[in-house]
Amino acid sequence: MLTVTSVNVNGLRAAAKKGFTEWLAQTDADVVCLQEVRAEPGQLPEHVRAPEGWHTLHAPAAAKGRAGVSLYSRREPDRMRIGFGSGEFDASGRYAEIDLPGVTVASLYLPSGEVGTERQEEKTRFMEEFGTYLADLRERAAADGREVLVCGDWNIAHREADLKNWRNNRKNSGFLPEERAWLSGVYEAGYVDVVRALHPDQEGPYSWWSYRGRAFDNDAGWRIDLICASPGIAARAVKAHVERAASHDERWSDHAPVTAVFEGGL
């Protein structure tokens, strides 16, 4: 089996003090993709930066204290890459990938956006560039007989079933018609949303809950943390779930880990 987990840690230094370290020690994952690390590698304790038994790739943002993605792999990667060839975004800590035997695994932190602001314009520019890269990655991998897993915080809820209060969010970033259409285009380009494919009729399962109010207790969340796979490996998915904490007090991030298990291994 190949087990892959993706989680937005909402600041890795803080998460490590609240339970991430213990979670990593007990996870069965072969690859862990992190987003919103918000730290330079040198700012991380050694047991977090390079824990025993893991090979790590850290891609911090040039803007200190923002964004940042990382990958932890039990097997040493054949190749590592930071960015996707973008002059604007390669130093923004939003994308990194590793090659393992037969599969490329990527960690993505797509901009969150905010309607009517430069942040939304940035998100739109990112989607345009990254959409082209995703299609090229899929085609190149297929030509080489490789599979692709793009795991991360996509910051888009695709369907009404992907967020609890969808009616009140139709004009908000993350559920805008143009964002949802862009994600539809990703799927039309050959990627499969692994969790949705295995749970086609379920509300959620949500992976992010605001810290405001009682969103977590009421399960008023969003499903924006996705594992998107090329068709060959998607067909090998046998299980996918959200590792939702048992209680609000046990959370170490406002996101929960999303884990998928694939037959065949590496």
C-alpha atoms as a PDB file:
ATOM      1  CA  MET A   1       0.000   0.000   0.000  1.00  0.00           C
ATOM      2  CA  LEU A   2       0.948   3.653  -0.502  1.00  0.00           C
ATOM      3  CA  THR A   3      -0.466   6.044   2.112  1.00  0.00           C
ATOM      4  CA  VAL A   4      -0.355   9.796   1.528  1.00  0.00           C
ATOM      5  CA  THR A   5      -1.520  12.522   3.924  1.00  0.00           C
ATOM      6  CA  SER A   6      -2.004  16.232   3.328  1.00  0.00           C
ATOM      7  CA  VAL A   7      -2.546  18.857   6.028  1.00  0.00           C
ATOM      8  CA  ASN A   8      -2.414  22.626   6.382  1.00  0.00           C
ATOM      9  CA  VAL A   9      -0.600  23.009   9.708  1.00  0.00           C
ATOM     10  CA  ASN A  10      -1.410  26.722  10.218  1.00  0.00           C
ATOM     11  CA  GLY A  11       2.155  27.412  11.352  1.00  0.00           C
ATOM     12  CA  LEU A  12       4.406  24.386  11.818  1.00  0.00           C
ATOM     13  CA  ARG A  13       6.231  25.711  14.879  1.00  0.00           C
ATOM     14  CA  ALA A  14       2.943  26.195  16.725  1.00  0.00           C
ATOM     15  CA  ALA A  15       1.491  22.899  15.472  1.00  0.00           C
ATOM     16  CA  ALA A  16       4.595  21.012  16.637  1.00  0.00           C
ATOM     17  CA  LYS A  17       3.983  22.243  20.174  1.00  0.00           C
ATOM     18  CA  LYS A  18       0.293  21.318  20.076  1.00  0.00           C
ATOM     19  CA  GLY A  19       0.430  17.761  18.742  1.00  0.00           C
ATOM     20  CA  PHE A  20       1.854  17.588  15.218  1.00  0.00           C
ATOM     21  CA  THR A  21       5.070  15.932  16.408  1.00  0.00           C
ATOM     22  CA  GLU A  22       3.130  13.183  18.162  1.00  0.00           C
ATOM     23  CA  TRP A  23       0.866  12.766  15.149  1.00  0.00           C
ATOM     24  CA  LEU A  24       3.844  12.381  12.802  1.00  0.00           C
ATOM     25  CA  ALA A  25       5.399   9.788  15.080  1.00  0.00           C
ATOM     26  CA  GLN A  26       2.327   7.568  14.900  1.00  0.00           C
ATOM     27  CA  THR A  27       1.109   8.100  11.327  1.00  0.00           C
ATOM     28  CA  ASP A  28       1.196   5.234   8.839  1.00  0.00           C
ATOM     29  CA  ALA A  29       1.722   7.644   5.939  1.00  0.00           C
ATOM     30  CA  ASP A  30       4.544   7.063   3.487  1.00  0.00           C
ATOM     31  CA  VAL A  31       4.400  10.699   2.350  1.00  0.00           C
ATOM     32  CA  VAL A  32       3.132  13.734   4.267  1.00  0.00           C
ATOM     33  CA  CYS A  33       2.447  17.026   2.477  1.00  0.00           C
ATOM     34  CA  LEU A  34       2.282  20.183   4.606  1.00  0.00           C
ATOM     35  CA  GLN A  35       0.980  23.650   3.787  1.00  0.00           C
ATOM     36  CA  GLU A  36       1.131  27.028   5.526  1.00  0.00           C
ATOM     37  CA  VAL A  37       4.356  26.050   7.295  1.00  0.00           C
ATOM     38  CA  ARG A  38       5.201  29.741   7.865  1.00  0.00           C
ATOM     39  CA  ALA A  39       8.853  29.147   8.840  1.00  0.00           C
ATOM     40  CA  GLU A  40      12.332  29.007   7.360  1.00  0.00           C
ATOM     41  CA  PRO A  41      13.938  25.562   7.786  1.00  0.00           C
ATOM     42  CA  GLY A  42      16.466  27.070  10.203  1.00  0.00           C
ATOM     43  CA  GLN A  43      13.625  28.263  12.429  1.00  0.00           C
ATOM     44  CA  LEU A  44      12.314  24.729  12.907  1.00  0.00           C
ATOM     45  CA  PRO A  45      13.574  22.442  15.682  1.00  0.00           C
ATOM     46  CA  GLU A  46      15.690  19.626  14.279  1.00  0.00           C
ATOM     47  CA  HIS A  47      13.131  16.969  15.231  1.00  0.00           C
ATOM     48  CA  VAL A  48      10.593  18.858  13.105  1.00  0.00           C
ATOM     49  CA  ARG A  49      12.880  19.992  10.282  1.00  0.00           C
ATOM     50  CA  ALA A  50      14.440  16.556   9.713  1.00  0.00           C
ATOM     51  CA  PRO A  51      12.761  13.924  11.911  1.00  0.00           C
ATOM     52  CA  GLU A  52      14.393  10.527  12.084  1.00  0.00           C
ATOM     53  CA  GLY A  53      13.127   8.162   9.414  1.00  0.00           C
ATOM     54  CA  TRP A  54      11.978  10.908   7.042  1.00  0.00           C
ATOM     55  CA  HIS A  55      13.467  12.702   4.040  1.00  0.00           C
ATOM     56  CA  THR A  56      12.230  16.292   3.955  1.00  0.00           C
ATOM     57  CA  LEU A  57      11.856  19.092   1.429  1.00  0.00           C
ATOM     58  CA  HIS A  58      10.988  22.563   2.712  1.00  0.00           C
ATOM     59  CA  ALA A  59       9.898  25.391   0.409  1.00  0.00           C
ATOM     60  CA  PRO A  60       9.505  28.547   2.505  1.00  0.00           C
ATOM     61  CA  ALA A  61       8.088  31.790   1.158  1.00  0.00           C
ATOM     62  CA  ALA A  62      10.355  34.742   0.432  1.00  0.00           C
ATOM     63  CA  ALA A  63       7.894  36.791   2.499  1.00  0.00           C
ATOM     64  CA  LYS A  64       8.798  35.696   6.007  1.00  0.00           C
ATOM     65  CA  GLY A  65       6.053  34.217   8.143  1.00  0.00           C
ATOM     66  CA  ARG A  66       3.772  33.483   5.209  1.00  0.00           C
ATOM     67  CA  ALA A  67       2.730  30.402   3.249  1.00  0.00           C
ATOM     68  CA  GLY A  68       5.406  27.700   2.901  1.00  0.00           C
ATOM     69  CA  VAL A  69       5.002  24.050   1.893  1.00  0.00           C
ATOM     70  CA  SER A  70       6.925  20.924   2.875  1.00  0.00           C
ATOM     71  CA  LEU A  71       7.040  17.233   2.007  1.00  0.00           C
ATOM     72  CA  TYR A  72       8.102  14.387   4.289  1.00  0.00           C
ATOM     73  CA  SER A  73       8.859  11.050   2.625  1.00  0.00           C
ATOM     74  CA  ARG A  74       9.971   7.789   4.219  1.00  0.00           C
ATOM     75  CA  ARG A  75      11.725   6.899   0.971  1.00  0.00           C
ATOM     76  CA  GLU A  76      14.471   9.136  -0.409  1.00  0.00           C
ATOM     77  CA  PRO A  77      13.091  10.963  -3.460  1.00  0.00           C
ATOM     78  CA  ASP A  78      14.668  10.483  -6.862  1.00  0.00           C
ATOM     79  CA  ARG A  79      14.157  14.191  -7.569  1.00  0.00           C
ATOM     80  CA  MET A  80      12.937  17.301  -5.733  1.00  0.00           C
ATOM     81  CA  ARG A  81      11.515  20.502  -7.196  1.00  0.00           C
ATOM     82  CA  ILE A  82      10.372  23.796  -5.699  1.00  0.00           C
ATOM     83  CA  GLY A  83       7.933  25.872  -7.720  1.00  0.00           C
ATOM     84  CA  PHE A  84       6.399  25.245 -11.125  1.00  0.00           C
ATOM     85  CA  GLY A  85       8.384  27.581 -13.340  1.00  0.00           C
ATOM     86  CA  SER A  86       6.544  30.774 -12.400  1.00  0.00           C
ATOM     87  CA  GLY A  87       8.403  34.059 -12.181  1.00  0.00           C
ATOM     88  CA  GLU A  88       5.787  35.417  -9.803  1.00  0.00           C
ATOM     89  CA  PHE A  89       5.071  32.438  -7.586  1.00  0.00           C
ATOM     90  CA  ASP A  90       8.102  30.142  -7.382  1.00  0.00           C
ATOM     91  CA  ALA A  91       9.476  31.958  -4.327  1.00  0.00           C
ATOM     92  CA  SER A  92       6.087  32.266  -2.643  1.00  0.00           C
ATOM     93  CA  GLY A  93       6.172  28.943  -0.780  1.00  0.00           C
ATOM     94  CA  ARG A  94       3.132  27.540  -2.541  1.00  0.00           C
ATOM     95  CA  TYR A  95       4.297  24.480  -4.473  1.00  0.00           C
ATOM     96  CA  ALA A  96       6.909  21.735  -4.234  1.00  0.00           C
ATOM     97  CA  GLU A  97       7.098  18.193  -5.560  1.00  0.00           C
ATOM     98  CA  ILE A  98       9.134  15.031  -5.244  1.00  0.00           C
ATOM     99  CA  ASP A  99       9.574  12.086  -7.569  1.00  0.00           C
ATOM    100  CA  LEU A 100       9.274   8.631  -6.065  1.00  0.00           C
ATOM    101  CA  PRO A 101       9.298   5.388  -8.066  1.00  0.00           C
ATOM    102  CA  GLY A 102       6.407   5.660 -10.513  1.00  0.00           C
ATOM    103  CA  VAL A 103       4.737   8.693  -8.941  1.00  0.00           C
ATOM    104  CA  THR A 104       5.240  12.430  -8.510  1.00  0.00           C
ATOM    105  CA  VAL A 105       3.819  13.770  -5.233  1.00  0.00           C
ATOM    106  CA  ALA A 106       3.268  17.505  -4.813  1.00  0.00           C
ATOM    107  CA  SER A 107       2.303  19.789  -1.934  1.00  0.00           C
ATOM    108  CA  LEU A 108       0.160  22.780  -2.945  1.00  0.00           C
ATOM    109  CA  TYR A 109      -0.981  25.861  -1.037  1.00  0.00           C
ATOM    110  CA  LEU A 110      -3.226  27.762  -3.419  1.00  0.00           C
ATOM    111  CA  PRO A 111      -3.819  31.417  -2.425  1.00  0.00           C
ATOM    112  CA  SER A 112      -6.950  31.995  -0.348  1.00  0.00           C
ATOM    113  CA  GLY A 113      -8.081  35.234  -1.951  1.00  0.00           C
ATOM    114  CA  GLU A 114     -10.549  37.874  -0.821  1.00  0.00           C
ATOM    115  CA  VAL A 115     -13.183  39.315  -3.139  1.00  0.00           C
ATOM    116  CA  GLY A 116     -12.531  42.868  -4.248  1.00  0.00           C
ATOM    117  CA  THR A 117      -8.869  42.907  -3.200  1.00  0.00           C
ATOM    118  CA  GLU A 118      -5.436  42.297  -4.700  1.00  0.00           C
ATOM    119  CA  ARG A 119      -5.436  38.947  -2.903  1.00  0.00           C
ATOM    120  CA  GLN A 120      -8.212  37.728  -5.199  1.00  0.00           C
ATOM    121  CA  GLU A 121      -6.377  39.023  -8.256  1.00  0.00           C
ATOM    122  CA  GLU A 122      -3.294  37.143  -7.071  1.00  0.00           C
ATOM    123  CA  LYS A 123      -5.347  33.976  -6.657  1.00  0.00           C
ATOM    124  CA  THR A 124      -6.699  34.346 -10.187  1.00  0.00           C
ATOM    125  CA  ARG A 125      -3.212  34.789 -11.643  1.00  0.00           C
ATOM    126  CA  PHE A 126      -1.985  31.759  -9.725  1.00  0.00           C
ATOM    127  CA  MET A 127      -4.849  29.600 -10.970  1.00  0.00           C
ATOM    128  CA  GLU A 128      -4.219  30.584 -14.580  1.00  0.00           C
ATOM    129  CA  GLU A 129      -0.515  29.735 -14.423  1.00  0.00           C
ATOM    130  CA  PHE A 130      -0.895  26.663 -12.272  1.00  0.00           C
ATOM    131  CA  GLY A 131      -3.724  25.227 -14.362  1.00  0.00           C
ATOM    132  CA  THR A 132      -1.436  25.195 -17.382  1.00  0.00           C
ATOM    133  CA  TYR A 133       1.316  23.538 -15.361  1.00  0.00           C
ATOM    134  CA  LEU A 134      -1.061  20.873 -14.031  1.00  0.00           C
ATOM    135  CA  ALA A 135      -2.127  19.913 -17.532  1.00  0.00           C
ATOM    136  CA  ASP A 136       1.503  19.755 -18.692  1.00  0.00           C
ATOM    137  CA  LEU A 137       2.506  17.717 -15.630  1.00  0.00           C
ATOM    138  CA  ARG A 138      -0.261  15.229 -16.292  1.00  0.00           C
ATOM    139  CA  GLU A 139       0.742  14.842 -19.945  1.00  0.00           C
ATOM    140  CA  ARG A 140       4.464  14.505 -19.196  1.00  0.00           C
ATOM    141  CA  ALA A 141       3.824  11.953 -16.477  1.00  0.00           C
ATOM    142  CA  ALA A 142       1.570   9.900 -18.732  1.00  0.00           C
ATOM    143  CA  ALA A 143       4.223   9.907 -21.450  1.00  0.00           C
ATOM    144  CA  ASP A 144       6.785   8.659 -18.921  1.00  0.00           C
ATOM    145  CA  GLY A 145       4.464   6.031 -17.449  1.00  0.00           C
ATOM    146  CA  ARG A 146       4.259   7.923 -14.154  1.00  0.00           C
ATOM    147  CA  GLU A 147       1.340   8.865 -11.915  1.00  0.00           C
ATOM    148  CA  VAL A 148       0.727  12.201 -10.170  1.00  0.00           C
ATOM    149  CA  LEU A 149      -0.673  13.168  -6.759  1.00  0.00           C
ATOM    150  CA  VAL A 150      -1.224  16.878  -6.069  1.00  0.00           C
ATOM    151  CA  CYS A 151      -2.079  17.197  -2.391  1.00  0.00           C
ATOM    152  CA  GLY A 152      -2.851  20.339  -0.492  1.00  0.00           C
ATOM    153  CA  ASP A 153      -5.004  23.240   0.513  1.00  0.00           C
ATOM    154  CA  TRP A 154      -6.694  24.166  -2.760  1.00  0.00           C
ATOM    155  CA  ASN A 155      -8.806  26.886  -1.080  1.00  0.00           C
ATOM    156  CA  ILE A 156     -11.791  26.087  -3.306  1.00  0.00           C
ATOM    157  CA  ALA A 157     -14.939  24.170  -2.358  1.00  0.00           C
ATOM    158  CA  HIS A 158     -16.056  22.572  -5.604  1.00  0.00           C
ATOM    159  CA  ARG A 159     -19.643  21.588  -4.864  1.00  0.00           C
ATOM    160  CA  GLU A 160     -22.423  22.518  -2.463  1.00  0.00           C
ATOM    161  CA  ALA A 161     -21.663  19.275  -0.614  1.00  0.00           C
ATOM    162  CA  ASP A 162     -18.167  20.620   0.084  1.00  0.00           C
ATOM    163  CA  LEU A 163     -19.147  23.312   2.583  1.00  0.00           C
ATOM    164  CA  LYS A 164     -21.842  23.474   5.222  1.00  0.00           C
ATOM    165  CA  ASN A 165     -23.052  27.039   4.687  1.00  0.00           C
ATOM    166  CA  TRP A 166     -22.821  27.192   0.909  1.00  0.00           C
ATOM    167  CA  ARG A 167     -25.797  29.516   0.463  1.00  0.00           C
ATOM    168  CA  ASN A 168     -24.102  32.269   2.468  1.00  0.00           C
ATOM    169  CA  ASN A 169     -20.787  31.852   0.654  1.00  0.00           C
ATOM    170  CA  ARG A 170     -21.810  32.111  -2.997  1.00  0.00           C
ATOM    171  CA  LYS A 171     -20.145  35.529  -3.319  1.00  0.00           C
ATOM    172  CA  ASN A 172     -17.122  34.727  -1.162  1.00  0.00           C
ATOM    173  CA  SER A 173     -13.670  33.613  -2.233  1.00  0.00           C
ATOM    174  CA  GLY A 174     -13.411  29.854  -2.113  1.00  0.00           C
ATOM    175  CA  PHE A 175     -16.873  29.263  -3.559  1.00  0.00           C
ATOM    176  CA  LEU A 176     -17.041  31.725  -6.436  1.00  0.00           C
ATOM    177  CA  PRO A 177     -18.447  30.365  -9.725  1.00  0.00           C
ATOM    178  CA  GLU A 178     -15.210  31.130 -11.580  1.00  0.00           C
ATOM    179  CA  GLU A 179     -13.118  29.313  -8.968  1.00  0.00           C
ATOM    180  CA  ARG A 180     -15.361  26.280  -9.049  1.00  0.00           C
ATOM    181  CA  ALA A 181     -15.270  26.290 -12.858  1.00  0.00           C
ATOM    182  CA  TRP A 182     -11.469  26.392 -12.759  1.00  0.00           C
ATOM    183  CA  LEU A 183     -11.406  23.335 -10.484  1.00  0.00           C
ATOM    184  CA  SER A 184     -13.831  21.596 -12.850  1.00  0.00           C
ATOM    185  CA  GLY A 185     -11.250  22.261 -15.556  1.00  0.00           C
ATOM    186  CA  VAL A 186      -8.591  20.535 -13.453  1.00  0.00           C
ATOM    187  CA  TYR A 187     -10.771  17.439 -13.329  1.00  0.00           C
ATOM    188  CA  GLU A 188     -11.516  17.696 -17.044  1.00  0.00           C
ATOM    189  CA  ALA A 189      -7.747  17.726 -17.630  1.00  0.00           C
ATOM    190  CA  GLY A 190      -7.572  14.243 -16.136  1.00  0.00           C
ATOM    191  CA  TYR A 191      -7.256  14.653 -12.372  1.00  0.00           C
ATOM    192  CA  VAL A 192      -9.499  12.833  -9.900  1.00  0.00           C
ATOM    193  CA  ASP A 193     -10.586  14.131  -6.476  1.00  0.00           C
ATOM    194  CA  VAL A 194      -9.809  10.949  -4.534  1.00  0.00           C
ATOM    195  CA  VAL A 195     -11.947  11.659  -1.455  1.00  0.00           C
ATOM    196  CA  ARG A 196     -14.997  12.609  -3.518  1.00  0.00           C
ATOM    197  CA  ALA A 197     -14.543   9.610  -5.812  1.00  0.00           C
ATOM    198  CA  LEU A 198     -14.680   7.276  -2.799  1.00  0.00           C
ATOM    199  CA  HIS A 199     -17.443   9.236  -1.034  1.00  0.00           C
ATOM    200  CA  PRO A 200     -19.606  10.505  -3.910  1.00  0.00           C
ATOM    201  CA  ASP A 201     -22.825  11.176  -2.006  1.00  0.00           C
ATOM    202  CA  GLN A 202     -21.507  12.424   1.331  1.00  0.00           C
ATOM    203  CA  GLU A 203     -21.777  15.929   2.730  1.00  0.00           C
ATOM    204  CA  GLY A 204     -18.121  16.803   3.258  1.00  0.00           C
ATOM    205  CA  PRO A 205     -16.154  15.237   4.829  1.00  0.00           C
ATOM    206  CA  TYR A 206     -14.980  18.710   5.831  1.00  0.00           C
ATOM    207  CA  SER A 207     -11.300  19.391   6.475  1.00  0.00           C
ATOM    208  CA  TRP A 208     -11.267  23.030   7.673  1.00  0.00           C
ATOM    209  CA  TRP A 209     -13.284  24.759  10.365  1.00  0.00           C
ATOM    210  CA  SER A 210     -12.957  28.388  11.388  1.00  0.00           C
ATOM    211  CA  TYR A 211     -11.686  29.016  14.899  1.00  0.00           C
ATOM    212  CA  ARG A 212     -14.494  31.565  15.251  1.00  0.00           C
ATOM    213  CA  GLY A 213     -17.703  30.555  16.997  1.00  0.00           C
ATOM    214  CA  ARG A 214     -18.471  26.859  17.316  1.00  0.00           C
ATOM    215  CA  ALA A 215     -17.728  25.890  13.727  1.00  0.00           C
ATOM    216  CA  PHE A 216     -15.828  22.732  14.672  1.00  0.00           C
ATOM    217  CA  ASP A 217     -18.346  21.586  17.273  1.00  0.00           C
ATOM    218  CA  ASN A 218     -21.180  22.125  14.779  1.00  0.00           C
ATOM    219  CA  ASP A 219     -19.176  20.618  11.904  1.00  0.00           C
ATOM    220  CA  ALA A 220     -19.752  23.819   9.920  1.00  0.00           C
ATOM    221  CA  GLY A 221     -16.696  23.301   7.766  1.00  0.00           C
ATOM    222  CA  TRP A 222     -15.277  23.391   4.262  1.00  0.00           C
ATOM    223  CA  ARG A 223     -13.747  20.574   2.204  1.00  0.00           C
ATOM    224  CA  ILE A 224     -10.851  22.450   0.605  1.00  0.00           C
ATOM    225  CA  ASP A 225      -7.945  20.104   1.373  1.00  0.00           C
ATOM    226  CA  LEU A 226      -7.765  17.765  -1.602  1.00  0.00           C
ATOM    227  CA  ILE A 227      -5.723  14.870  -2.909  1.00  0.00           C
ATOM    228  CA  CYS A 228      -6.000  15.070  -6.689  1.00  0.00           C
ATOM    229  CA  ALA A 229      -4.655  12.097  -8.616  1.00  0.00           C
ATOM    230  CA  SER A 230      -3.986  11.058 -12.179  1.00  0.00           C
ATOM    231  CA  PRO A 231      -6.451   8.349 -13.306  1.00  0.00           C
ATOM    232  CA  GLY A 232      -4.163   5.333 -12.968  1.00  0.00           C
ATOM    233  CA  ILE A 233      -3.335   5.826  -9.299  1.00  0.00           C
ATOM    234  CA  ALA A 234      -6.824   7.168  -8.561  1.00  0.00           C
ATOM    235  CA  ALA A 235      -8.189   3.801  -9.644  1.00  0.00           C
ATOM    236  CA  ARG A 236      -5.963   2.170  -7.016  1.00  0.00           C
ATOM    237  CA  ALA A 237      -7.404   4.236  -4.150  1.00  0.00           C
ATOM    238  CA  VAL A 238      -9.037   1.947  -1.598  1.00  0.00           C
ATOM    239  CA  LYS A 239      -9.603   4.330   1.310  1.00  0.00           C
ATOM    240  CA  ALA A 240      -9.659   8.069   1.967  1.00  0.00           C
ATOM    241  CA  HIS A 241     -10.698   9.912   5.079  1.00  0.00           C
ATOM    242  CA  VAL A 242     -10.316  13.073   7.131  1.00  0.00           C
ATOM    243  CA  GLU A 243      -8.520  12.611  10.446  1.00  0.00           C
ATOM    244  CA  ARG A 244     -10.902  14.816  12.393  1.00  0.00           C
ATOM    245  CA  ALA A 245      -9.881  15.439  16.005  1.00  0.00           C
ATOM    246  CA  ALA A 246     -12.112  13.969  18.672  1.00  0.00           C
ATOM    247  CA  SER A 247     -12.644  17.378  20.254  1.00  0.00           C
ATOM    248  CA  HIS A 248     -11.857  21.057  19.696  1.00  0.00           C
ATOM    249  CA  ASP A 249      -9.186  20.958  22.426  1.00  0.00           C
ATOM    250  CA  GLU A 250      -7.277  18.166  20.663  1.00  0.00           C
ATOM    251  CA  ARG A 251      -6.773  20.090  17.412  1.00  0.00           C
ATOM    252  CA  TRP A 252      -3.294  21.258  16.456  1.00  0.00           C
ATOM    253  CA  SER A 253      -4.478  23.169  13.375  1.00  0.00           C
ATOM    254  CA  ASP A 254      -7.708  24.642  12.054  1.00  0.00           C
ATOM    255  CA  HIS A 255      -7.385  22.025   9.283  1.00  0.00           C
ATOM    256  CA  ALA A 256      -7.449  18.248   9.727  1.00  0.00           C
ATOM    257  CA  PRO A 257      -5.177  15.767   7.923  1.00  0.00           C
ATOM    258  CA  VAL A 258      -6.645  14.192   4.781  1.00  0.00           C
ATOM    259  CA  THR A 259      -5.320  10.709   4.104  1.00  0.00           C
ATOM    260  CA  ALA A 260      -5.638   8.409   1.098  1.00  0.00           C
ATOM    261  CA  VAL A 261      -4.483   4.811   0.741  1.00  0.00           C
ATOM    262  CA  PHE A 262      -3.587   3.284  -2.633  1.00  0.00           C
ATOM    263  CA  GLU A 263      -3.012  -0.340  -3.583  1.00  0.00           C
ATOM    264  CA  GLY A 264       0.316  -1.257  -5.077  1.00  0.00           C
ATOM    265  CA  GLY A 265       2.777   0.767  -3.039  1.00  0.00           C
ATOM    266  CA  LEU A 266       5.884   2.314  -4.586  1.00  0.00           C
END
